[in-house]
């Protein structure tokens, strides 16, 4: 049987399971609620959803009592009622979980706030930024208490004082300019909303339900309560990892750019990169290797799996040991959403395997996405959430069938089987074909979203991602092994890893200068961006077992290109 056909049937079986249409209905409902203003009809949506559920239950009971079978028109009618119910209840749930802006026309004012830090990231000049929960506020902003706010703590070119190395869950008092997020039109000069990229970020915050921001000086920031003990422990683990990553044989890379880049990759700390490096990696579409996500968690899990297998630990116990270490690594690196999503998917698959309830990778992806959206509905507008799930889904429904097809049609021309040349050639072929197919599928899924969130996309990522992902994976693996070794042995691994990362940095810089970089392109509408991604995934899955090569592999990219051309025409 045709291998791509087998993969196609498997993809369709996973993609079109009974629950997925309703998950799609829920995602559309959340998107509709987030981009529309029907909060005043919140109660109506709940009543419509509850009525739809009650109507279907009543009709099914009636059919059962009368001995009628549900088929044909009745089956379609039940599905339509169920879709209406799911859609209406999800719209109500979104409005219920995401409160409206209490001060729609808030003018910037100086304020003193007490914040509980929910996220802490390091920026340029050792600044701190992220989201926090407001615990206390002045009378003119008292309705912000309990709401999420975006904060920035910095003294400009001066670094944050060492005794103010803020940690997640720490309670901090800050004094600065409190302002609203206004994506549509700037309210005053001097704020980020006066620039196009600033307005895009303001819209990004608004979509996530963050309606306020404060810019404070670190000199006026004070810690009022220490972080929770578990977060203090995570910070201590991070300190240990930083010391481990700083060990080199004979100080070979001490203070070098390669060492800083290597540490940035393992810890996900982009503030350690120079502006030139950030631009080069962005131009080549490889900045994702510095985000703690599936790449890092996957290679770390592989290292743990190999180590536990060598120790002959029972496979039913392996997940509980490995996942505990993985979770510690994720939390020590800041508990970023992308890392938690990757950890959740790997945990679902590993635990399901341990309990002999094997779940497909796509099934684990769907469950992880559904749970994430249920916990925090605004996350559907988060760039990292959209990109990570779209890319992984595209790998399942597009890249893997394409890889199988290319490997089959190019099976001839290899050396004779059962020879060393054959095994080497087969490995090299699988590596390059697999890397290219994965990069191609990822680009088609990420291009419209990247053009919407960041106003650009990077075509060079198709060529450079396979090499950079392999290099980053090797560096992450070496660094992770070094965490459990004495400093001297870890120093040798760090020297090798820093050399690899340094070569990646030089390669990115050369490519960005020699071949140009990213293409400036803006998607004017989130609806078009999401439609392009969902259309790509739907067409890829639906035609995965088609006999037509065009329908199987070309129709979905053509659809994405058409959507982006429409966006280009709209931009004028």
Protein backbone atom coordinates (compact mmCIF):
# COMPACT_ATOMS: atom_id res chain seq x y z
CA UNK A 1 0.00 0.00 0.00
CA UNK A 2 1.12 3.55 -0.73
CA UNK A 3 2.90 4.85 2.38
CA UNK A 4 1.56 8.40 1.98
CA UNK A 5 -1.96 6.96 1.75
CA UNK A 6 -1.44 5.16 5.06
CA UNK A 7 -0.21 8.37 6.65
CA UNK A 8 -3.09 10.27 5.04
CA UNK A 9 -5.68 7.90 6.50
CA UNK A 10 -4.00 8.14 9.90
CA UNK A 11 -3.97 11.92 9.70
CA UNK A 12 -7.63 12.08 8.76
CA UNK A 13 -8.52 9.64 11.52
CA UNK A 14 -6.83 11.89 14.08
CA UNK A 15 -7.79 15.21 12.54
CA UNK A 16 -11.47 14.52 11.95
CA UNK A 17 -12.35 12.74 15.19
CA UNK A 18 -15.80 13.62 16.59
CA UNK A 19 -14.48 16.11 19.13
CA UNK A 20 -12.40 18.20 16.73
CA UNK A 21 -15.30 19.97 14.95
CA UNK A 22 -16.55 21.18 18.32
CA UNK A 23 -13.08 22.27 19.33
CA UNK A 24 -12.94 24.26 16.09
CA UNK A 25 -16.33 25.75 16.96
CA UNK A 26 -14.97 26.74 20.37
CA UNK A 27 -11.88 28.37 18.86
CA UNK A 28 -14.04 30.33 16.41
CA UNK A 29 -16.27 31.39 19.30
CA UNK A 30 -13.31 32.66 21.33
CA UNK A 31 -11.96 34.51 18.32
CA UNK A 32 -15.40 36.03 17.64
CA UNK A 33 -15.77 37.13 21.27
CA UNK A 34 -12.27 38.60 21.39
CA UNK A 35 -12.64 40.66 18.21
CA UNK A 36 -16.28 41.73 18.69
CA UNK A 37 -18.05 43.76 21.34
CA UNK A 38 -21.13 41.79 22.34
CA UNK A 39 -20.44 41.73 26.07
CA UNK A 40 -23.87 43.23 26.73
CA UNK A 41 -25.40 40.07 25.31
CA UNK A 42 -23.42 37.76 27.59
CA UNK A 43 -26.55 36.48 29.31
CA UNK A 44 -28.25 35.89 25.97
CA UNK A 45 -25.36 33.73 24.74
CA UNK A 46 -25.60 31.63 27.91
CA UNK A 47 -29.35 31.15 27.53
CA UNK A 48 -29.01 30.21 23.85
CA UNK A 49 -26.26 27.70 24.64
CA UNK A 50 -28.19 26.17 27.53
CA UNK A 51 -31.36 26.02 25.40
CA UNK A 52 -29.48 24.24 22.59
CA UNK A 53 -28.12 21.63 25.01
CA UNK A 54 -31.56 21.13 26.59
CA UNK A 55 -33.21 20.89 23.15
CA UNK A 56 -30.82 18.18 21.95
CA UNK A 57 -31.23 16.16 25.17
CA UNK A 58 -35.02 16.43 24.91
CA UNK A 59 -35.10 15.44 21.23
CA UNK A 60 -32.78 12.48 21.78
CA UNK A 61 -34.97 11.30 24.67
CA UNK A 62 -38.03 11.65 22.46
CA UNK A 63 -36.38 9.70 19.64
CA UNK A 64 -35.32 6.95 22.06
CA UNK A 65 -38.83 6.66 23.52
CA UNK A 66 -40.41 6.49 20.06
CA UNK A 67 -37.84 4.09 18.69
CA UNK A 68 -36.67 6.48 15.97
CA UNK A 69 -33.13 6.22 14.63
CA UNK A 70 -30.97 9.31 14.32
CA UNK A 71 -29.83 9.49 10.71
CA UNK A 72 -29.99 11.64 7.60
CA UNK A 73 -31.62 15.00 8.22
CA UNK A 74 -32.08 14.33 11.93
CA UNK A 75 -28.37 13.68 12.39
CA UNK A 76 -27.48 16.93 10.62
CA UNK A 77 -30.06 18.82 12.67
CA UNK A 78 -28.61 17.47 15.92
CA UNK A 79 -25.11 18.47 14.80
CA UNK A 80 -26.30 22.00 13.95
CA UNK A 81 -28.00 22.37 17.35
CA UNK A 82 -24.85 21.11 19.06
CA UNK A 83 -22.64 23.56 17.16
CA UNK A 84 -24.91 26.46 18.14
CA UNK A 85 -24.77 25.34 21.75
CA UNK A 86 -20.99 24.99 21.83
CA UNK A 87 -20.48 28.31 20.06
CA UNK A 88 -22.86 30.23 22.35
CA UNK A 89 -21.55 28.72 25.57
CA UNK A 90 -17.94 29.41 24.55
CA UNK A 91 -18.74 33.05 23.75
CA UNK A 92 -20.37 33.37 27.18
CA UNK A 93 -17.38 31.65 28.82
CA UNK A 94 -14.95 34.05 27.12
CA UNK A 95 -16.80 37.12 28.36
CA UNK A 96 -17.17 35.53 31.80
CA UNK A 97 -13.42 34.86 32.11
CA UNK A 98 -12.16 38.06 30.45
CA UNK A 99 -13.43 41.19 32.24
CA UNK A 100 -14.01 44.36 30.26
CA UNK A 101 -11.80 47.43 30.48
CA UNK A 102 -12.94 49.46 33.53
CA UNK A 103 -11.36 52.69 32.19
CA UNK A 104 -11.81 52.80 28.38
CA UNK A 105 -10.33 56.31 28.07
CA UNK A 106 -7.74 56.27 30.82
CA UNK A 107 -5.28 59.20 30.63
CA UNK A 108 -1.64 58.52 31.62
CA UNK A 109 -0.96 59.44 35.26
CA UNK A 110 1.79 58.95 37.77
CA UNK A 111 0.82 56.19 40.21
CA UNK A 112 2.14 53.93 42.91
CA UNK A 113 1.04 50.31 42.57
CA UNK A 114 1.59 47.10 44.46
CA UNK A 115 2.07 44.21 42.05
CA UNK A 116 2.38 40.45 42.25
CA UNK A 117 4.76 39.45 39.46
CA UNK A 118 3.29 36.70 37.27
CA UNK A 119 6.05 36.75 34.63
CA UNK A 120 9.60 38.08 34.82
CA UNK A 121 11.72 38.49 31.70
CA UNK A 122 15.04 40.21 31.24
CA UNK A 123 15.44 42.89 28.61
CA UNK A 124 18.16 45.20 27.36
CA UNK A 125 20.33 46.85 30.00
CA UNK A 126 19.14 44.21 32.47
CA UNK A 127 15.63 45.62 32.64
CA UNK A 128 12.68 43.52 33.86
CA UNK A 129 9.32 43.23 32.16
CA UNK A 130 6.27 41.00 31.98
CA UNK A 131 2.75 40.73 33.33
CA UNK A 132 1.67 41.19 36.92
CA UNK A 133 -1.52 41.29 38.99
CA UNK A 134 -2.42 44.60 40.63
CA UNK A 135 -2.85 44.21 44.41
CA UNK A 136 -3.36 47.87 45.34
CA UNK A 137 -3.76 51.11 43.39
CA UNK A 138 -4.66 54.79 43.96
CA UNK A 139 -8.30 55.83 44.14
CA UNK A 140 -8.35 57.04 40.52
CA UNK A 141 -7.30 53.56 39.37
CA UNK A 142 -8.87 51.37 42.05
CA UNK A 143 -10.76 49.30 39.46
CA UNK A 144 -7.43 47.95 38.19
CA UNK A 145 -7.02 45.92 41.40
CA UNK A 146 -7.11 42.24 40.55
CA UNK A 147 -6.44 42.92 36.85
CA UNK A 148 -3.45 42.00 34.74
CA UNK A 149 -1.00 44.76 33.88
CA UNK A 150 2.14 45.00 31.76
CA UNK A 151 5.11 46.37 33.68
CA UNK A 152 8.58 47.55 32.74
CA UNK A 153 11.21 48.22 35.41
CA UNK A 154 14.35 49.88 34.14
CA UNK A 155 16.72 52.77 34.71
CA UNK A 156 17.57 53.18 31.05
CA UNK A 157 21.23 52.42 30.46
CA UNK A 158 21.83 51.62 34.10
CA UNK A 159 21.39 47.98 35.06
CA UNK A 160 18.90 46.88 37.70
CA UNK A 161 20.59 46.72 41.09
CA UNK A 162 21.73 43.20 42.11
CA UNK A 163 19.46 43.28 45.17
CA UNK A 164 16.46 43.84 42.87
CA UNK A 165 16.64 40.64 40.86
CA UNK A 166 12.86 40.23 40.89
CA UNK A 167 11.32 36.76 40.86
CA UNK A 168 7.94 35.34 39.84
CA UNK A 169 5.33 35.61 42.66
CA UNK A 170 7.29 38.36 44.41
CA UNK A 171 5.25 41.32 45.70
CA UNK A 172 6.73 44.62 44.52
CA UNK A 173 5.84 48.28 44.96
CA UNK A 174 6.52 50.39 41.88
CA UNK A 175 6.16 54.08 41.10
CA UNK A 176 5.82 55.22 37.51
CA UNK A 177 3.54 56.30 34.69
CA UNK A 178 0.34 54.25 34.52
CA UNK A 179 -1.29 54.29 31.09
CA UNK A 180 -3.87 52.39 29.10
CA UNK A 181 -3.15 50.25 26.06
CA UNK A 182 -4.50 51.98 22.97
CA UNK A 183 -3.94 50.00 19.76
CA UNK A 184 -6.08 52.21 17.54
CA UNK A 185 -4.72 55.71 18.07
CA UNK A 186 -1.97 57.20 20.24
CA UNK A 187 -3.16 59.20 23.24
CA UNK A 188 -0.05 61.24 23.83
CA UNK A 189 3.43 61.75 22.57
CA UNK A 190 6.33 59.91 24.02
CA UNK A 191 4.56 56.59 24.47
CA UNK A 192 5.04 53.43 22.42
CA UNK A 193 1.59 53.80 20.87
CA UNK A 194 2.93 56.66 18.75
CA UNK A 195 4.87 54.16 16.60
CA UNK A 196 3.37 51.49 14.32
CA UNK A 197 5.22 48.68 16.08
CA UNK A 198 4.14 50.14 19.40
CA UNK A 199 0.49 50.15 18.34
CA UNK A 200 0.85 46.52 17.24
CA UNK A 201 2.17 45.59 20.68
CA UNK A 202 -0.62 47.56 22.36
CA UNK A 203 -3.17 45.60 20.32
CA UNK A 204 -1.39 42.40 21.26
CA UNK A 205 -1.79 43.30 24.95
CA UNK A 206 -5.43 44.30 24.50
CA UNK A 207 -6.22 41.00 22.78
CA UNK A 208 -4.76 39.19 25.79
CA UNK A 209 -7.00 41.16 28.16
CA UNK A 210 -4.19 43.42 29.42
CA UNK A 211 -5.61 46.95 29.36
CA UNK A 212 -2.96 48.82 31.39
CA UNK A 213 0.80 49.20 31.59
CA UNK A 214 3.23 50.94 33.90
CA UNK A 215 6.78 52.09 33.25
CA UNK A 216 8.75 52.39 36.47
CA UNK A 217 12.30 53.18 37.50
CA UNK A 218 14.16 50.41 39.30
CA UNK A 219 15.41 52.95 41.82
CA UNK A 220 11.84 53.41 43.01
CA UNK A 221 10.88 49.73 43.00
CA UNK A 222 10.90 47.89 46.30
CA UNK A 223 10.21 44.31 47.27
CA UNK A 224 7.43 44.01 49.87
CA UNK A 225 7.17 40.23 50.16
CA UNK A 226 9.51 37.44 49.17
CA UNK A 227 8.50 35.04 46.41
CA UNK A 228 6.83 31.76 47.24
CA UNK A 229 9.27 29.10 48.39
CA UNK A 230 8.86 27.02 45.24
CA UNK A 231 9.74 29.99 43.01
CA UNK A 232 12.71 30.80 45.21
CA UNK A 233 13.78 27.18 44.71
CA UNK A 234 13.36 27.50 40.94
CA UNK A 235 15.49 30.64 41.00
CA UNK A 236 18.17 28.76 42.93
CA UNK A 237 18.10 25.99 40.32
CA UNK A 238 18.48 28.61 37.61
CA UNK A 239 21.51 29.98 39.44
CA UNK A 240 23.00 26.48 39.50
CA UNK A 241 22.38 26.07 35.76
CA UNK A 242 24.02 29.45 35.05
CA UNK A 243 27.11 28.40 37.01
CA UNK A 244 27.22 25.05 35.21
CA UNK A 245 26.95 26.76 31.81
CA UNK A 246 29.75 29.18 32.76
CA UNK A 247 32.33 26.43 33.35
CA UNK A 248 34.93 26.11 30.55
CA UNK A 249 38.21 24.34 30.27
CA UNK A 250 41.04 26.76 31.00
CA UNK A 251 38.62 29.69 30.67
CA UNK A 252 38.52 29.22 26.91
CA UNK A 253 35.20 31.03 26.33
CA UNK A 254 34.98 33.21 29.43
CA UNK A 255 33.26 36.49 28.60
CA UNK A 256 32.98 35.63 24.91
CA UNK A 257 29.99 36.26 22.68
CA UNK A 258 29.72 32.53 21.98
CA UNK A 259 29.41 31.78 25.69
CA UNK A 260 26.67 34.38 26.11
CA UNK A 261 24.83 33.05 23.06
CA UNK A 262 25.09 29.48 24.35
CA UNK A 263 23.69 30.51 27.74
CA UNK A 264 20.90 32.45 26.02
CA UNK A 265 19.94 29.33 24.06
CA UNK A 266 19.83 26.97 27.04
CA UNK A 267 18.04 29.37 29.41
CA UNK A 268 15.88 31.13 26.82
CA UNK A 269 17.29 34.52 27.83
CA UNK A 270 17.37 36.66 24.67
CA UNK A 271 18.70 39.64 26.62
CA UNK A 272 22.14 38.01 26.39
CA UNK A 273 22.12 38.41 22.60
CA UNK A 274 23.53 41.51 20.94
CA UNK A 275 21.20 43.64 18.76
CA UNK A 276 23.12 42.45 15.70
CA UNK A 277 22.58 38.81 16.66
CA UNK A 278 18.87 39.33 17.22
CA UNK A 279 18.55 40.90 13.78
CA UNK A 280 20.57 38.14 12.10
CA UNK A 281 18.60 35.30 13.70
CA UNK A 282 15.31 37.06 12.94
CA UNK A 283 16.32 37.60 9.29
CA UNK A 284 17.09 33.91 8.87
CA UNK A 285 13.92 32.86 10.68
CA UNK A 286 15.83 30.96 13.36
CA UNK A 287 15.14 33.07 16.46
CA UNK A 288 12.92 30.23 17.70
CA UNK A 289 16.01 28.28 18.81
CA UNK A 290 16.28 30.76 21.72
CA UNK A 291 12.73 30.16 22.98
CA UNK A 292 12.27 27.45 25.58
CA UNK A 293 9.77 25.34 23.64
CA UNK A 294 9.36 21.97 21.99
CA UNK A 295 12.94 21.97 20.69
CA UNK A 296 14.50 22.29 24.15
CA UNK A 297 11.97 20.14 25.99
CA UNK A 298 12.13 17.45 23.32
CA UNK A 299 15.92 17.14 23.31
CA UNK A 300 16.03 17.31 27.11
CA UNK A 301 13.41 14.53 27.26
CA UNK A 302 15.50 12.47 24.82
CA UNK A 303 18.58 12.85 27.04
CA UNK A 304 16.58 11.79 30.10
CA UNK A 305 15.01 8.86 28.27
CA UNK A 306 18.43 7.65 27.15
CA UNK A 307 19.91 8.00 30.64
CA UNK A 308 17.02 6.20 32.34
CA UNK A 309 17.10 3.45 29.73
CA UNK A 310 20.84 2.93 30.32
CA UNK A 311 20.06 2.66 34.05
CA UNK A 312 17.44 0.01 33.14
CA UNK A 313 14.71 1.83 35.01
CA UNK A 314 11.27 0.31 34.48
CA UNK A 315 9.52 2.05 31.57
CA UNK A 316 6.38 2.53 33.68
CA UNK A 317 8.38 4.54 36.23
CA UNK A 318 10.47 6.51 33.73
CA UNK A 319 7.84 9.22 33.05
CA UNK A 320 7.47 10.15 36.71
CA UNK A 321 11.24 10.57 37.16
CA UNK A 322 11.90 12.29 33.83
CA UNK A 323 8.88 14.60 33.93
CA UNK A 324 9.83 15.84 37.39
CA UNK A 325 13.27 16.86 36.10
CA UNK A 326 11.76 18.39 32.94
CA UNK A 327 9.27 20.40 34.97
CA UNK A 328 12.07 21.70 37.16
CA UNK A 329 13.98 22.82 34.04
CA UNK A 330 10.88 24.53 32.60
CA UNK A 331 10.18 26.41 35.84
CA UNK A 332 13.81 27.39 36.34
CA UNK A 333 13.78 28.94 32.86
CA UNK A 334 10.82 31.14 33.70
CA UNK A 335 7.79 28.87 33.16
CA UNK A 336 7.20 30.44 29.78
CA UNK A 337 3.91 29.48 28.11
CA UNK A 338 5.66 27.88 25.11
CA UNK A 339 7.70 25.68 27.44
CA UNK A 340 4.68 24.72 29.52
CA UNK A 341 2.76 23.81 26.34
CA UNK A 342 5.59 21.59 25.13
CA UNK A 343 5.93 20.01 28.56
CA UNK A 344 2.17 19.36 28.70
CA UNK A 345 2.13 17.60 25.34
CA UNK A 346 5.17 15.44 26.15
CA UNK A 347 3.72 14.63 29.58
CA UNK A 348 0.40 13.52 28.05
CA UNK A 349 2.11 11.24 25.55
CA UNK A 350 4.59 9.77 28.03
CA UNK A 351 2.01 9.13 30.76
CA UNK A 352 -0.43 7.64 28.25
CA UNK A 353 2.31 5.27 27.10
CA UNK A 354 3.14 4.33 30.70
CA UNK A 355 -0.48 3.44 31.41
CA UNK A 356 -0.81 1.57 28.11
CA UNK A 357 -3.26 4.12 26.80
CA UNK A 358 -1.19 5.18 23.83
CA UNK A 359 -2.38 8.45 22.35
CA UNK A 360 -1.34 9.84 19.02
CA UNK A 361 0.84 12.92 18.96
CA UNK A 362 -1.93 14.88 17.27
CA UNK A 363 -4.40 13.82 19.95
CA UNK A 364 -2.03 15.02 22.66
CA UNK A 365 -1.64 18.31 20.81
CA UNK A 366 -5.41 18.81 20.62
CA UNK A 367 -5.92 18.00 24.31
CA UNK A 368 -3.10 20.36 25.36
CA UNK A 369 -4.55 23.16 23.22
CA UNK A 370 -8.08 22.64 24.56
CA UNK A 371 -6.90 22.70 28.17
CA UNK A 372 -4.79 25.82 27.61
CA UNK A 373 -7.69 27.70 26.00
CA UNK A 374 -10.12 26.59 28.71
CA UNK A 375 -7.81 27.79 31.47
CA UNK A 376 -7.08 31.13 29.80
CA UNK A 377 -9.35 32.05 26.82
CA UNK A 378 -7.32 35.16 25.81
CA UNK A 379 -4.35 32.89 25.08
CA UNK A 380 -5.88 32.26 21.65
CA UNK A 381 -4.49 35.71 20.71
CA UNK A 382 -1.02 34.97 22.10
CA UNK A 383 1.61 34.88 19.35
CA UNK A 384 3.56 32.05 20.94
CA UNK A 385 0.44 29.93 21.43
CA UNK A 386 -0.73 30.36 17.85
CA UNK A 387 2.67 29.82 16.26
CA UNK A 388 3.68 26.80 18.32
CA UNK A 389 0.43 24.88 17.82
CA UNK A 390 0.11 25.84 14.15
CA UNK A 391 3.66 24.72 13.40
CA UNK A 392 3.37 21.41 15.26
CA UNK A 393 0.00 20.69 13.64
CA UNK A 394 1.44 21.47 10.19
CA UNK A 395 4.23 18.98 10.81
CA UNK A 396 1.66 16.25 11.47
CA UNK A 397 -0.74 16.99 8.63
CA UNK A 398 1.64 18.27 5.93
CA UNK A 399 5.33 17.66 6.60
CA UNK A 400 5.18 13.97 7.51
CA UNK A 401 3.13 12.92 4.46
CA UNK A 402 5.40 15.04 2.25
CA UNK A 403 8.48 13.41 3.80
CA UNK A 404 7.07 9.93 3.16
CA UNK A 405 6.24 10.84 -0.44
CA UNK A 406 9.65 12.34 -1.22
CA UNK A 407 11.48 9.42 0.37
CA UNK A 408 9.45 6.97 -1.71
CA UNK A 409 9.86 8.69 -5.09
CA UNK A 410 13.61 9.15 -4.52
CA UNK A 411 14.24 5.63 -3.25
CA UNK A 412 16.31 4.75 -6.31
CA UNK A 413 19.92 5.84 -6.77
CA UNK A 414 21.20 4.74 -3.37
CA UNK A 415 24.15 2.31 -3.02
CA UNK A 416 23.51 -1.39 -2.64
CA UNK A 417 21.66 -2.32 0.57
CA UNK A 418 23.43 -3.81 3.60
CA UNK A 419 26.54 -1.75 3.05
CA UNK A 420 28.08 1.04 5.10
CA UNK A 421 27.69 3.45 2.17
CA UNK A 422 23.99 2.63 1.99
CA UNK A 423 23.41 3.26 5.70
CA UNK A 424 25.33 6.55 5.64
CA UNK A 425 23.57 7.71 2.46
CA UNK A 426 20.16 6.72 3.88
CA UNK A 427 20.80 8.63 7.11
CA UNK A 428 21.98 11.74 5.28
CA UNK A 429 19.03 11.58 2.92
CA UNK A 430 16.53 11.15 5.76
CA UNK A 431 18.10 14.07 7.64
CA UNK A 432 18.05 16.56 4.79
CA UNK A 433 14.69 15.49 3.37
CA UNK A 434 13.09 15.45 6.82
CA UNK A 435 14.56 18.80 7.76
CA UNK A 436 13.44 20.42 4.53
CA UNK A 437 9.89 19.01 4.73
CA UNK A 438 9.45 20.09 8.34
CA UNK A 439 10.81 23.56 7.62
CA UNK A 440 8.57 23.92 4.57
CA UNK A 441 5.43 22.92 6.45
CA UNK A 442 6.36 25.17 9.37
CA UNK A 443 6.88 28.15 7.06
CA UNK A 444 3.51 27.76 5.36
CA UNK A 445 1.79 27.66 8.75
CA UNK A 446 3.81 30.44 10.37
CA UNK A 447 4.01 32.91 7.46
CA UNK A 448 0.50 34.42 7.82
CA UNK A 449 0.69 34.48 11.63
CA UNK A 450 4.18 35.97 11.60
CA UNK A 451 3.04 38.58 9.09
CA UNK A 452 0.15 39.47 11.38
CA UNK A 453 1.95 39.52 14.74
CA UNK A 454 5.38 40.76 13.64
CA UNK A 455 4.73 42.26 10.17
CA UNK A 456 7.32 40.06 8.42
CA UNK A 457 8.18 36.50 7.50
CA UNK A 458 11.54 34.87 6.77
CA UNK A 459 11.77 32.67 3.63
CA UNK A 460 15.37 31.73 4.51
CA UNK A 461 14.03 29.66 7.41
CA UNK A 462 13.30 26.82 4.97
CA UNK A 463 17.04 26.41 4.33
CA UNK A 464 18.47 27.32 7.70
CA UNK A 465 16.01 25.85 10.20
CA UNK A 466 17.07 22.19 9.66
CA UNK A 467 20.74 23.00 10.30
CA UNK A 468 20.03 25.37 13.18
CA UNK A 469 17.55 23.05 14.87
CA UNK A 470 20.09 20.20 14.71
CA UNK A 471 22.85 22.42 16.07
CA UNK A 472 20.64 23.81 18.81
CA UNK A 473 19.46 20.32 19.74
CA UNK A 474 23.04 19.12 20.09
CA UNK A 475 23.95 22.16 22.19
CA UNK A 476 20.89 21.70 24.43
CA UNK A 477 21.70 18.02 24.88
CA UNK A 478 25.32 18.75 25.84
CA UNK A 479 24.27 21.49 28.25
CA UNK A 480 21.63 19.29 29.84
CA UNK A 481 24.12 16.46 30.35
CA UNK A 482 26.57 18.94 31.87
CA UNK A 483 24.04 19.87 34.58
CA UNK A 484 24.57 16.51 36.29
CA UNK A 485 28.35 16.30 35.81
CA UNK A 486 31.21 17.80 37.85
CA UNK A 487 32.34 21.26 36.74
CA UNK A 488 35.47 19.94 35.00
CA UNK A 489 33.56 17.48 32.81
CA UNK A 490 30.77 20.01 32.20
CA UNK A 491 33.43 22.48 31.06
CA UNK A 492 34.46 20.19 28.21
CA UNK A 493 30.88 19.77 27.04
CA UNK A 494 30.35 23.53 27.28
CA UNK A 495 33.40 24.18 25.11
CA UNK A 496 32.00 21.93 22.38
CA UNK A 497 28.48 23.40 22.69
CA UNK A 498 29.70 27.02 22.69
CA UNK A 499 31.72 26.30 19.53
CA UNK A 500 28.60 24.96 17.82
CA UNK A 501 26.49 27.92 18.90
CA UNK A 502 29.20 30.38 17.90
CA UNK A 503 29.32 28.84 14.42
CA UNK A 504 25.52 29.14 14.19
CA UNK A 505 25.74 32.82 15.08
CA UNK A 506 28.40 33.46 12.43
CA UNK A 507 26.36 31.54 9.85
CA UNK A 508 23.22 33.58 10.64
CA UNK A 509 25.14 36.84 10.38
CA UNK A 510 26.69 35.85 7.05
CA UNK A 511 23.37 34.71 5.57
CA UNK A 512 21.55 37.86 6.67
CA UNK A 513 24.18 40.09 5.03
CA UNK A 514 24.79 37.99 1.91
CA UNK A 515 21.27 36.97 0.93
CA UNK A 516 19.07 39.57 2.54
CA UNK A 517 16.71 38.61 5.27
CA UNK A 518 13.11 38.72 6.23
CA UNK A 519 10.41 40.12 4.00
CA UNK A 520 8.46 43.04 5.43
CA UNK A 521 4.83 42.09 5.06
CA UNK A 522 1.82 43.01 7.17
CA UNK A 523 -1.45 41.09 7.44
CA UNK A 524 -4.09 43.78 8.04
CA UNK A 525 -6.66 41.44 9.54
CA UNK A 526 -6.36 38.66 12.13
CA UNK A 527 -9.31 36.97 10.42
CA UNK A 528 -7.29 36.51 7.22
CA UNK A 529 -4.25 35.25 9.15
CA UNK A 530 -6.26 32.65 11.08
CA UNK A 531 -8.23 31.69 7.97
CA UNK A 532 -4.98 31.04 6.09
CA UNK A 533 -3.64 28.78 8.86
CA UNK A 534 -6.85 26.84 9.42
CA UNK A 535 -7.32 26.51 5.66
CA UNK A 536 -3.79 25.18 5.28
CA UNK A 537 -4.28 22.59 8.02
CA UNK A 538 -7.74 21.57 6.80
CA UNK A 539 -6.73 21.15 3.14
CA UNK A 540 -3.52 19.33 4.08
CA UNK A 541 -5.41 16.85 6.24
CA UNK A 542 -8.39 16.39 3.92
CA UNK A 543 -6.32 15.64 0.81
CA UNK A 544 -3.50 13.79 2.59
CA UNK A 545 -4.42 10.48 0.92
CA UNK A 546 -5.39 11.89 -2.48
CA UNK A 547 -3.82 10.37 -5.58
CA UNK A 548 -3.22 13.85 -6.99
CA UNK A 549 0.13 15.29 -5.96
CA UNK A 550 -1.24 18.80 -6.50
CA UNK A 551 -4.19 18.27 -4.16
CA UNK A 552 -2.00 16.51 -1.63
CA UNK A 553 0.89 18.95 -1.34
CA UNK A 554 0.38 22.07 -3.50
CA UNK A 555 -3.23 23.11 -2.92
CA UNK A 556 -2.75 24.11 0.73
CA UNK A 557 0.34 26.33 0.09
CA UNK A 558 -1.45 27.91 -2.90
CA UNK A 559 -4.36 28.73 -0.60
CA UNK A 560 -2.02 30.39 1.94
CA UNK A 561 -0.30 32.36 -0.84
CA UNK A 562 -3.69 33.51 -2.16
CA UNK A 563 -4.73 34.80 1.27
CA UNK A 564 -1.46 36.70 1.61
CA UNK A 565 -1.82 38.20 -1.88
CA UNK A 566 -5.29 39.41 -0.90
CA UNK A 567 -3.74 40.99 2.19
CA UNK A 568 -1.07 42.63 0.05
CA UNK A 569 -3.74 44.12 -2.21
CA UNK A 570 -5.65 45.38 0.83
CA UNK A 571 -2.50 47.10 2.09
CA UNK A 572 -2.25 48.89 -1.26
